[in-house]
Amino acid sequence: MLELELLSKRFGGAEVVSQVSLTVKNGEIAGLIGPNGAGKTTLFNLIAGVVAPTSGRIRIAGRDITTDQPYRRMARGIGRSFQIPRPFAEMTVLENMLTAAQGQTGERLFSNWLFSPSVSRQERANSEKAMDLLNFLGLSKLAWQAARTLSGGQRKLLELGRVLMADPKLVLLDEPGAGVNPTLLQSIMERISEINRQGVTFFIIEHNMELISKLCKHVFVISEGKILFEGRPTEAVRDHSVIEAYLGAGAQ
C-alpha cells in the first residue's frame, strides 16, 4: 500500500528524515514509534504532502505520488489525522463531518442553480453517510452539538470520522491515544480494528506501547530521522538499539 524509498528531508542544515525506506502492506496496521524529535511527524507530513521531500520517492499502491499536492493524495486514498484535533469549533459535529465529503457538486459556483436536484440528492446521501459513521463512532447523540463541547477523546473520534468520510485506503493516525481517557481509548482502538477489518490500512504514530502492542503486528522505530528497527512490537521493546534510543547511551 505504501512504499518509501530513500526518503529524506532537510530543513536548512538539519536532516530531519534521512534516507528512510519502508513498506506498509495492504490491509495491515503498522506502527511508527520513536523518541520525541525523532522525525515521526515530519515523515507523516512528507507522506501527506504537507512538505516536499529533499530526495527520495513515495508510492501508494505502486503509483508514484512524490510530487502530488495534498488534495490529490487524498483523492488517491490517503487520509490523515493530527495529534491535536482542530475541528471547526462553532459548527456542529455533523457539519464538521460533511466538510470532509469529497467531490461535492454543490461546491461549484453554478451547480446549485443548474443541477439543484442532483445537489440535493448528494447532500442527503452525504448526511446519511455522516450519520452512519457517527453512529459507528458512538457520536450520533452529539451530532447537533457544537464541536467545541466535545471532550479530547470525542474530538479524536470526530477527526477519525472526518477522515473516513473521504473513503481512504490508507489512514495516517498521529497519536490517536494522546490525552484520551482509558474508556474512550478502548473505544478508539475497537473502531480502528473494525475499520481495518473492512480493508483500510493504518499507519500509526503512538507513544502508548499498550495501544501499539494490541493493534500492530509490525512496527518501525525511528530515531534521529533514521529507521532503527523493523519488526514485531514484542521484539522492539527488547532490542538494545531501541532501548538506547529511548533511554540514552547508558541504557542496559
C-alpha atoms as a PDB file:
ATOM      1  CA  MET A   1       0.000   0.000   0.000  1.00  0.00           C
ATOM      2  CA  LEU A   2       2.738   2.476   0.991  1.00  0.00           C
ATOM      3  CA  GLU A   3       6.349   2.441  -0.178  1.00  0.00           C
ATOM      4  CA  LEU A   4       9.001   4.951   0.853  1.00  0.00           C
ATOM      5  CA  GLU A   5      12.305   4.802  -0.977  1.00  0.00           C
ATOM      6  CA  LEU A   6      15.351   6.600   0.456  1.00  0.00           C
ATOM      7  CA  LEU A   7      13.122   9.463   1.620  1.00  0.00           C
ATOM      8  CA  SER A   8      14.945  12.450   3.130  1.00  0.00           C
ATOM      9  CA  LYS A   9      14.007  15.922   4.317  1.00  0.00           C
ATOM     10  CA  ARG A  10      16.349  18.773   5.229  1.00  0.00           C
ATOM     11  CA  PHE A  11      15.382  21.993   6.955  1.00  0.00           C
ATOM     12  CA  GLY A  12      18.381  24.254   6.441  1.00  0.00           C
ATOM     13  CA  GLY A  13      21.395  22.273   7.569  1.00  0.00           C
ATOM     14  CA  ALA A  14      19.415  19.765   9.637  1.00  0.00           C
ATOM     15  CA  GLU A  15      18.373  16.449   8.091  1.00  0.00           C
ATOM     16  CA  VAL A  16      15.187  15.583   9.982  1.00  0.00           C
ATOM     17  CA  VAL A  17      14.366  12.491   7.898  1.00  0.00           C
ATOM     18  CA  SER A  18      17.338  10.586   6.500  1.00  0.00           C
ATOM     19  CA  GLN A  19      17.056   8.032   3.676  1.00  0.00           C
ATOM     20  CA  VAL A  20      14.004   6.254   5.085  1.00  0.00           C
ATOM     21  CA  SER A  21      12.901   3.173   3.157  1.00  0.00           C
ATOM     22  CA  LEU A  22       9.909   1.174   4.380  1.00  0.00           C
ATOM     23  CA  THR A  23       6.823  -0.667   3.173  1.00  0.00           C
ATOM     24  CA  VAL A  24       3.371  -0.793   4.781  1.00  0.00           C
ATOM     25  CA  LYS A  25       1.445  -3.743   3.384  1.00  0.00           C
ATOM     26  CA  ASN A  26      -2.118  -3.518   2.147  1.00  0.00           C
ATOM     27  CA  GLY A  27      -4.612  -4.270   4.915  1.00  0.00           C
ATOM     28  CA  GLU A  28      -2.247  -4.123   7.897  1.00  0.00           C
ATOM     29  CA  ILE A  29      -1.988  -1.841  10.912  1.00  0.00           C
ATOM     30  CA  ALA A  30       1.628  -0.694  11.162  1.00  0.00           C
ATOM     31  CA  GLY A  31       3.124   1.405  13.932  1.00  0.00           C
ATOM     32  CA  LEU A  32       5.740   4.149  13.896  1.00  0.00           C
ATOM     33  CA  ILE A  33       7.404   4.754  17.245  1.00  0.00           C
ATOM     34  CA  GLY A  34      10.410   6.685  18.454  1.00  0.00           C
ATOM     35  CA  PRO A  35      11.550   9.285  20.986  1.00  0.00           C
ATOM     36  CA  ASN A  36      10.426  12.906  20.808  1.00  0.00           C
ATOM     37  CA  GLY A  37      12.082  14.756  17.945  1.00  0.00           C
ATOM     38  CA  ALA A  38      12.867  11.548  16.054  1.00  0.00           C
ATOM     39  CA  GLY A  39      11.169  12.707  12.829  1.00  0.00           C
ATOM     40  CA  LYS A  40       7.859  10.838  13.087  1.00  0.00           C
ATOM     41  CA  THR A  41       5.510  13.744  12.343  1.00  0.00           C
ATOM     42  CA  THR A  42       7.812  15.067   9.606  1.00  0.00           C
ATOM     43  CA  LEU A  43       7.647  11.647   7.956  1.00  0.00           C
ATOM     44  CA  PHE A  44       3.824  11.769   8.061  1.00  0.00           C
ATOM     45  CA  ASN A  45       3.910  15.311   6.644  1.00  0.00           C
ATOM     46  CA  LEU A  46       6.012  14.030   3.753  1.00  0.00           C
ATOM     47  CA  ILE A  47       3.593  11.185   3.045  1.00  0.00           C
ATOM     48  CA  ALA A  48       0.574  13.513   3.232  1.00  0.00           C
ATOM     49  CA  GLY A  49       2.234  16.150   1.030  1.00  0.00           C
ATOM     50  CA  VAL A  50       2.358  18.903   3.633  1.00  0.00           C
ATOM     51  CA  VAL A  51       6.086  19.288   2.963  1.00  0.00           C
ATOM     52  CA  ALA A  52       8.120  18.209  -0.066  1.00  0.00           C
ATOM     53  CA  PRO A  53      10.998  15.753   0.309  1.00  0.00           C
ATOM     54  CA  THR A  54      14.579  16.806  -0.328  1.00  0.00           C
ATOM     55  CA  SER A  55      15.102  13.459  -2.049  1.00  0.00           C
ATOM     56  CA  GLY A  56      13.512  10.022  -2.357  1.00  0.00           C
ATOM     57  CA  ARG A  57      10.215   8.608  -3.636  1.00  0.00           C
ATOM     58  CA  ILE A  58       6.740   7.960  -2.209  1.00  0.00           C
ATOM     59  CA  ARG A  59       4.392   5.393  -3.762  1.00  0.00           C
ATOM     60  CA  ILE A  60       0.804   4.491  -2.956  1.00  0.00           C
ATOM     61  CA  ALA A  61      -0.417   1.164  -4.352  1.00  0.00           C
ATOM     62  CA  GLY A  62       2.511   1.265  -6.777  1.00  0.00           C
ATOM     63  CA  ARG A  63       1.807   4.788  -8.029  1.00  0.00           C
ATOM     64  CA  ASP A  64       4.447   7.485  -7.559  1.00  0.00           C
ATOM     65  CA  ILE A  65       2.888  10.430  -5.681  1.00  0.00           C
ATOM     66  CA  THR A  66       6.123  12.189  -4.673  1.00  0.00           C
ATOM     67  CA  THR A  67       5.169  15.458  -6.387  1.00  0.00           C
ATOM     68  CA  ASP A  68       1.370  15.277  -5.907  1.00  0.00           C
ATOM     69  CA  GLN A  69      -0.373  18.046  -3.978  1.00  0.00           C
ATOM     70  CA  PRO A  70      -2.147  17.053  -0.704  1.00  0.00           C
ATOM     71  CA  TYR A  71      -5.632  17.176  -2.260  1.00  0.00           C
ATOM     72  CA  ARG A  72      -4.514  14.785  -4.995  1.00  0.00           C
ATOM     73  CA  ARG A  73      -3.097  12.419  -2.398  1.00  0.00           C
ATOM     74  CA  MET A  74      -6.446  12.439  -0.621  1.00  0.00           C
ATOM     75  CA  ALA A  75      -8.078  11.560  -3.942  1.00  0.00           C
ATOM     76  CA  ARG A  76      -5.602   8.661  -4.210  1.00  0.00           C
ATOM     77  CA  GLY A  77      -6.862   7.359  -0.866  1.00  0.00           C
ATOM     78  CA  ILE A  78      -4.621   8.879   1.818  1.00  0.00           C
ATOM     79  CA  GLY A  79      -6.383  10.140   4.946  1.00  0.00           C
ATOM     80  CA  ARG A  80      -4.559  11.824   7.790  1.00  0.00           C
ATOM     81  CA  SER A  81      -5.380  12.829  11.373  1.00  0.00           C
ATOM     82  CA  PHE A  82      -3.396  15.130  13.648  1.00  0.00           C
ATOM     83  CA  GLN A  83      -2.075  14.752  17.179  1.00  0.00           C
ATOM     84  CA  ILE A  84      -4.201  17.716  18.316  1.00  0.00           C
ATOM     85  CA  PRO A  85      -7.604  17.669  16.572  1.00  0.00           C
ATOM     86  CA  ARG A  86      -8.819  21.054  15.369  1.00  0.00           C
ATOM     87  CA  PRO A  87     -12.499  20.783  14.424  1.00  0.00           C
ATOM     88  CA  PHE A  88     -14.486  23.805  13.335  1.00  0.00           C
ATOM     89  CA  ALA A  89     -15.433  24.740  16.888  1.00  0.00           C
ATOM     90  CA  GLU A  90     -18.726  26.563  16.277  1.00  0.00           C
ATOM     91  CA  MET A  91     -20.017  24.135  13.654  1.00  0.00           C
ATOM     92  CA  THR A  92     -21.978  21.086  14.738  1.00  0.00           C
ATOM     93  CA  VAL A  93     -20.417  17.649  14.833  1.00  0.00           C
ATOM     94  CA  LEU A  94     -22.463  16.672  11.767  1.00  0.00           C
ATOM     95  CA  GLU A  95     -21.418  19.795   9.869  1.00  0.00           C
ATOM     96  CA  ASN A  96     -17.782  19.009  10.649  1.00  0.00           C
ATOM     97  CA  MET A  97     -18.263  15.572   9.126  1.00  0.00           C
ATOM     98  CA  LEU A  98     -19.847  16.989   5.988  1.00  0.00           C
ATOM     99  CA  THR A  99     -16.882  19.276   5.302  1.00  0.00           C
ATOM    100  CA  ALA A 100     -14.790  16.168   4.541  1.00  0.00           C
ATOM    101  CA  ALA A 101     -17.101  14.708   1.878  1.00  0.00           C
ATOM    102  CA  GLN A 102     -15.326  14.557  -1.472  1.00  0.00           C
ATOM    103  CA  GLY A 103     -16.498  15.607  -4.935  1.00  0.00           C
ATOM    104  CA  GLN A 104     -19.485  17.647  -3.784  1.00  0.00           C
ATOM    105  CA  THR A 105     -21.323  19.038  -6.819  1.00  0.00           C
ATOM    106  CA  GLY A 106     -22.747  21.907  -4.784  1.00  0.00           C
ATOM    107  CA  GLU A 107     -19.263  23.361  -4.266  1.00  0.00           C
ATOM    108  CA  ARG A 108     -19.209  24.516  -7.890  1.00  0.00           C
ATOM    109  CA  LEU A 109     -20.474  28.061  -8.380  1.00  0.00           C
ATOM    110  CA  PHE A 110     -23.430  27.487 -10.708  1.00  0.00           C
ATOM    111  CA  SER A 111     -24.283  23.885  -9.848  1.00  0.00           C
ATOM    112  CA  ASN A 112     -26.808  24.896  -7.170  1.00  0.00           C
ATOM    113  CA  TRP A 113     -28.902  26.574  -9.868  1.00  0.00           C
ATOM    114  CA  LEU A 114     -28.224  24.310 -12.852  1.00  0.00           C
ATOM    115  CA  PHE A 115     -28.236  20.947 -11.076  1.00  0.00           C
ATOM    116  CA  SER A 116     -30.296  21.612  -7.966  1.00  0.00           C
ATOM    117  CA  PRO A 117     -31.981  18.150  -7.732  1.00  0.00           C
ATOM    118  CA  SER A 118     -28.615  16.394  -8.118  1.00  0.00           C
ATOM    119  CA  VAL A 119     -27.033  18.596  -5.455  1.00  0.00           C
ATOM    120  CA  SER A 120     -29.905  17.896  -3.060  1.00  0.00           C
ATOM    121  CA  ARG A 121     -29.628  14.128  -3.573  1.00  0.00           C
ATOM    122  CA  GLN A 122     -25.905  14.220  -2.969  1.00  0.00           C
ATOM    123  CA  GLU A 123     -26.306  16.298   0.195  1.00  0.00           C
ATOM    124  CA  ARG A 124     -28.868  13.815   1.554  1.00  0.00           C
ATOM    125  CA  ALA A 125     -26.558  10.897   0.754  1.00  0.00           C
ATOM    126  CA  ASN A 126     -23.626  12.625   2.454  1.00  0.00           C
ATOM    127  CA  SER A 127     -25.737  13.382   5.536  1.00  0.00           C
ATOM    128  CA  GLU A 128     -26.838   9.761   5.767  1.00  0.00           C
ATOM    129  CA  LYS A 129     -23.237   8.568   5.380  1.00  0.00           C
ATOM    130  CA  ALA A 130     -22.054  11.013   8.053  1.00  0.00           C
ATOM    131  CA  MET A 131     -24.751   9.907  10.488  1.00  0.00           C
ATOM    132  CA  ASP A 132     -23.918   6.239   9.867  1.00  0.00           C
ATOM    133  CA  LEU A 133     -20.273   6.974  10.677  1.00  0.00           C
ATOM    134  CA  LEU A 134     -21.177   8.994  13.775  1.00  0.00           C
ATOM    135  CA  ASN A 135     -23.327   6.105  14.950  1.00  0.00           C
ATOM    136  CA  PHE A 136     -20.426   3.705  14.352  1.00  0.00           C
ATOM    137  CA  LEU A 137     -18.100   6.005  16.321  1.00  0.00           C
ATOM    138  CA  GLY A 138     -20.577   6.445  19.169  1.00  0.00           C
ATOM    139  CA  LEU A 139     -21.107  10.152  18.471  1.00  0.00           C
ATOM    140  CA  SER A 140     -24.558  10.174  16.875  1.00  0.00           C
ATOM    141  CA  LYS A 141     -26.206  11.640  20.008  1.00  0.00           C
ATOM    142  CA  LEU A 142     -23.832  14.597  19.734  1.00  0.00           C
ATOM    143  CA  ALA A 143     -24.442  15.246  16.022  1.00  0.00           C
ATOM    144  CA  TRP A 144     -26.200  18.585  16.579  1.00  0.00           C
ATOM    145  CA  GLN A 145     -23.901  19.879  19.296  1.00  0.00           C
ATOM    146  CA  ALA A 146     -21.136  22.364  18.576  1.00  0.00           C
ATOM    147  CA  ALA A 147     -17.771  20.639  18.194  1.00  0.00           C
ATOM    148  CA  ARG A 148     -16.284  22.877  20.914  1.00  0.00           C
ATOM    149  CA  THR A 149     -18.342  20.946  23.502  1.00  0.00           C
ATOM    150  CA  LEU A 150     -16.588  17.646  22.798  1.00  0.00           C
ATOM    151  CA  SER A 151     -14.013  16.109  25.104  1.00  0.00           C
ATOM    152  CA  GLY A 152     -10.498  15.411  23.873  1.00  0.00           C
ATOM    153  CA  GLY A 153     -11.309  11.763  23.185  1.00  0.00           C
ATOM    154  CA  GLN A 154     -14.521  12.636  21.372  1.00  0.00           C
ATOM    155  CA  ARG A 155     -12.589  15.087  19.186  1.00  0.00           C
ATOM    156  CA  LYS A 156     -10.215  12.253  18.275  1.00  0.00           C
ATOM    157  CA  LEU A 157     -13.204  10.153  17.231  1.00  0.00           C
ATOM    158  CA  LEU A 158     -14.636  13.072  15.229  1.00  0.00           C
ATOM    159  CA  GLU A 159     -11.284  13.507  13.488  1.00  0.00           C
ATOM    160  CA  LEU A 160     -11.290   9.816  12.599  1.00  0.00           C
ATOM    161  CA  GLY A 161     -14.840  10.209  11.299  1.00  0.00           C
ATOM    162  CA  ARG A 162     -13.870  13.117   9.053  1.00  0.00           C
ATOM    163  CA  VAL A 163     -11.038  11.020   7.621  1.00  0.00           C
ATOM    164  CA  LEU A 164     -13.457   8.156   6.923  1.00  0.00           C
ATOM    165  CA  MET A 165     -15.860  10.482   5.086  1.00  0.00           C
ATOM    166  CA  ALA A 166     -13.256  10.615   2.291  1.00  0.00           C
ATOM    167  CA  ASP A 167     -13.239   6.791   1.872  1.00  0.00           C
ATOM    168  CA  PRO A 168      -9.484   6.372   2.454  1.00  0.00           C
ATOM    169  CA  LYS A 169      -7.426   3.317   1.584  1.00  0.00           C
ATOM    170  CA  LEU A 170      -4.588   4.327   3.909  1.00  0.00           C
ATOM    171  CA  VAL A 171      -5.080   6.267   7.161  1.00  0.00           C
ATOM    172  CA  LEU A 172      -2.188   8.055   8.861  1.00  0.00           C
ATOM    173  CA  LEU A 173      -3.036   8.446  12.559  1.00  0.00           C
ATOM    174  CA  ASP A 174      -0.871  10.772  14.646  1.00  0.00           C
ATOM    175  CA  GLU A 175      -1.074   9.721  18.324  1.00  0.00           C
ATOM    176  CA  PRO A 176      -4.753   8.675  18.491  1.00  0.00           C
ATOM    177  CA  GLY A 177      -4.330   7.785  22.168  1.00  0.00           C
ATOM    178  CA  ALA A 178      -2.724  11.032  23.366  1.00  0.00           C
ATOM    179  CA  GLY A 179      -4.703  12.706  26.157  1.00  0.00           C
ATOM    180  CA  VAL A 180      -7.583  10.224  25.932  1.00  0.00           C
ATOM    181  CA  ASN A 181      -9.156   8.598  28.992  1.00  0.00           C
ATOM    182  CA  PRO A 182      -8.985   4.772  29.164  1.00  0.00           C
ATOM    183  CA  THR A 183     -12.655   4.226  28.296  1.00  0.00           C
ATOM    184  CA  LEU A 184     -12.544   6.311  25.131  1.00  0.00           C
ATOM    185  CA  LEU A 185      -9.134   4.919  24.261  1.00  0.00           C
ATOM    186  CA  GLN A 186     -10.616   1.422  24.256  1.00  0.00           C
ATOM    187  CA  SER A 187     -13.413   2.681  22.009  1.00  0.00           C
ATOM    188  CA  ILE A 188     -10.920   4.245  19.580  1.00  0.00           C
ATOM    189  CA  MET A 189      -8.913   1.012  19.432  1.00  0.00           C
ATOM    190  CA  GLU A 190     -12.039  -1.032  18.745  1.00  0.00           C
ATOM    191  CA  ARG A 191     -13.090   1.311  15.949  1.00  0.00           C
ATOM    192  CA  ILE A 192      -9.634   1.196  14.340  1.00  0.00           C
ATOM    193  CA  SER A 193      -9.688  -2.609  14.431  1.00  0.00           C
ATOM    194  CA  GLU A 194     -13.173  -2.759  12.902  1.00  0.00           C
ATOM    195  CA  ILE A 195     -12.286  -0.296  10.125  1.00  0.00           C
ATOM    196  CA  ASN A 196      -9.139  -2.303   9.410  1.00  0.00           C
ATOM    197  CA  ARG A 197     -11.205  -5.489   9.086  1.00  0.00           C
ATOM    198  CA  GLN A 198     -13.170  -3.673   6.381  1.00  0.00           C
ATOM    199  CA  GLY A 199      -9.961  -3.360   4.343  1.00  0.00           C
ATOM    200  CA  VAL A 200      -8.498   0.009   5.368  1.00  0.00           C
ATOM    201  CA  THR A 201      -4.738   0.128   6.015  1.00  0.00           C
ATOM    202  CA  PHE A 202      -3.434   2.089   9.021  1.00  0.00           C
ATOM    203  CA  PHE A 203      -0.041   3.633   9.779  1.00  0.00           C
ATOM    204  CA  ILE A 204       0.007   4.892  13.370  1.00  0.00           C
ATOM    205  CA  ILE A 205       2.336   7.166  15.334  1.00  0.00           C
ATOM    206  CA  GLU A 206       1.913   6.408  19.017  1.00  0.00           C
ATOM    207  CA  HIS A 207       3.842   6.572  22.308  1.00  0.00           C
ATOM    208  CA  ASN A 208       1.369   4.300  24.098  1.00  0.00           C
ATOM    209  CA  MET A 209       3.053   0.899  23.730  1.00  0.00           C
ATOM    210  CA  GLU A 210      -0.020  -0.921  25.028  1.00  0.00           C
ATOM    211  CA  LEU A 211      -2.030   0.503  22.120  1.00  0.00           C
ATOM    212  CA  ILE A 212       0.749  -0.324  19.650  1.00  0.00           C
ATOM    213  CA  SER A 213       1.111  -3.872  21.000  1.00  0.00           C
ATOM    214  CA  LYS A 214      -2.625  -4.566  20.786  1.00  0.00           C
ATOM    215  CA  LEU A 215      -3.205  -3.064  17.342  1.00  0.00           C
ATOM    216  CA  CYS A 216       0.035  -3.546  15.401  1.00  0.00           C
ATOM    217  CA  LYS A 217       1.778  -6.705  14.300  1.00  0.00           C
ATOM    218  CA  HIS A 218       4.526  -4.689  12.649  1.00  0.00           C
ATOM    219  CA  VAL A 219       6.332  -1.572  13.881  1.00  0.00           C
ATOM    220  CA  PHE A 220       9.070   0.733  12.667  1.00  0.00           C
ATOM    221  CA  VAL A 221      11.269   2.542  15.177  1.00  0.00           C
ATOM    222  CA  ILE A 222      12.729   5.855  14.039  1.00  0.00           C
ATOM    223  CA  SER A 223      15.485   7.768  15.796  1.00  0.00           C
ATOM    224  CA  GLU A 224      17.321  10.874  14.608  1.00  0.00           C
ATOM    225  CA  GLY A 225      15.474  10.622  11.304  1.00  0.00           C
ATOM    226  CA  LYS A 226      16.586   7.063  10.512  1.00  0.00           C
ATOM    227  CA  ILE A 227      14.789   3.734  10.752  1.00  0.00           C
ATOM    228  CA  LEU A 228      16.451   1.956  13.658  1.00  0.00           C
ATOM    229  CA  PHE A 229      14.325  -1.187  13.877  1.00  0.00           C
ATOM    230  CA  GLU A 230      11.607  -3.030  11.958  1.00  0.00           C
ATOM    231  CA  GLY A 231       9.681  -5.980  13.337  1.00  0.00           C
ATOM    232  CA  ARG A 232       7.123  -7.066  15.920  1.00  0.00           C
ATOM    233  CA  PRO A 233       6.323  -4.796  18.900  1.00  0.00           C
ATOM    234  CA  THR A 234       7.383  -7.504  21.362  1.00  0.00           C
ATOM    235  CA  GLU A 235      10.790  -7.647  19.680  1.00  0.00           C
ATOM    236  CA  ALA A 236      11.141  -3.849  19.574  1.00  0.00           C
ATOM    237  CA  VAL A 237      10.878  -3.422  23.356  1.00  0.00           C
ATOM    238  CA  ARG A 238      13.716  -5.927  23.857  1.00  0.00           C
ATOM    239  CA  ASP A 239      16.020  -4.559  21.160  1.00  0.00           C
ATOM    240  CA  HIS A 240      19.133  -2.918  22.638  1.00  0.00           C
ATOM    241  CA  SER A 241      19.345  -0.179  19.993  1.00  0.00           C
ATOM    242  CA  VAL A 242      15.695   0.760  20.600  1.00  0.00           C
ATOM    243  CA  ILE A 243      16.192   0.856  24.373  1.00  0.00           C
ATOM    244  CA  GLU A 244      19.275   3.009  23.919  1.00  0.00           C
ATOM    245  CA  ALA A 245      17.425   5.433  21.616  1.00  0.00           C
ATOM    246  CA  TYR A 246      14.670   5.915  24.192  1.00  0.00           C
ATOM    247  CA  LEU A 247      16.709   5.895  27.372  1.00  0.00           C
ATOM    248  CA  GLY A 248      20.119   7.168  26.268  1.00  0.00           C
ATOM    249  CA  ALA A 249      23.537   5.753  25.646  1.00  0.00           C
ATOM    250  CA  GLY A 250      23.842   4.432  29.205  1.00  0.00           C
ATOM    251  CA  ALA A 251      20.789   2.163  28.923  1.00  0.00           C
ATOM    252  CA  GLN A 252      21.404  -1.539  29.545  1.00  0.00           C
END
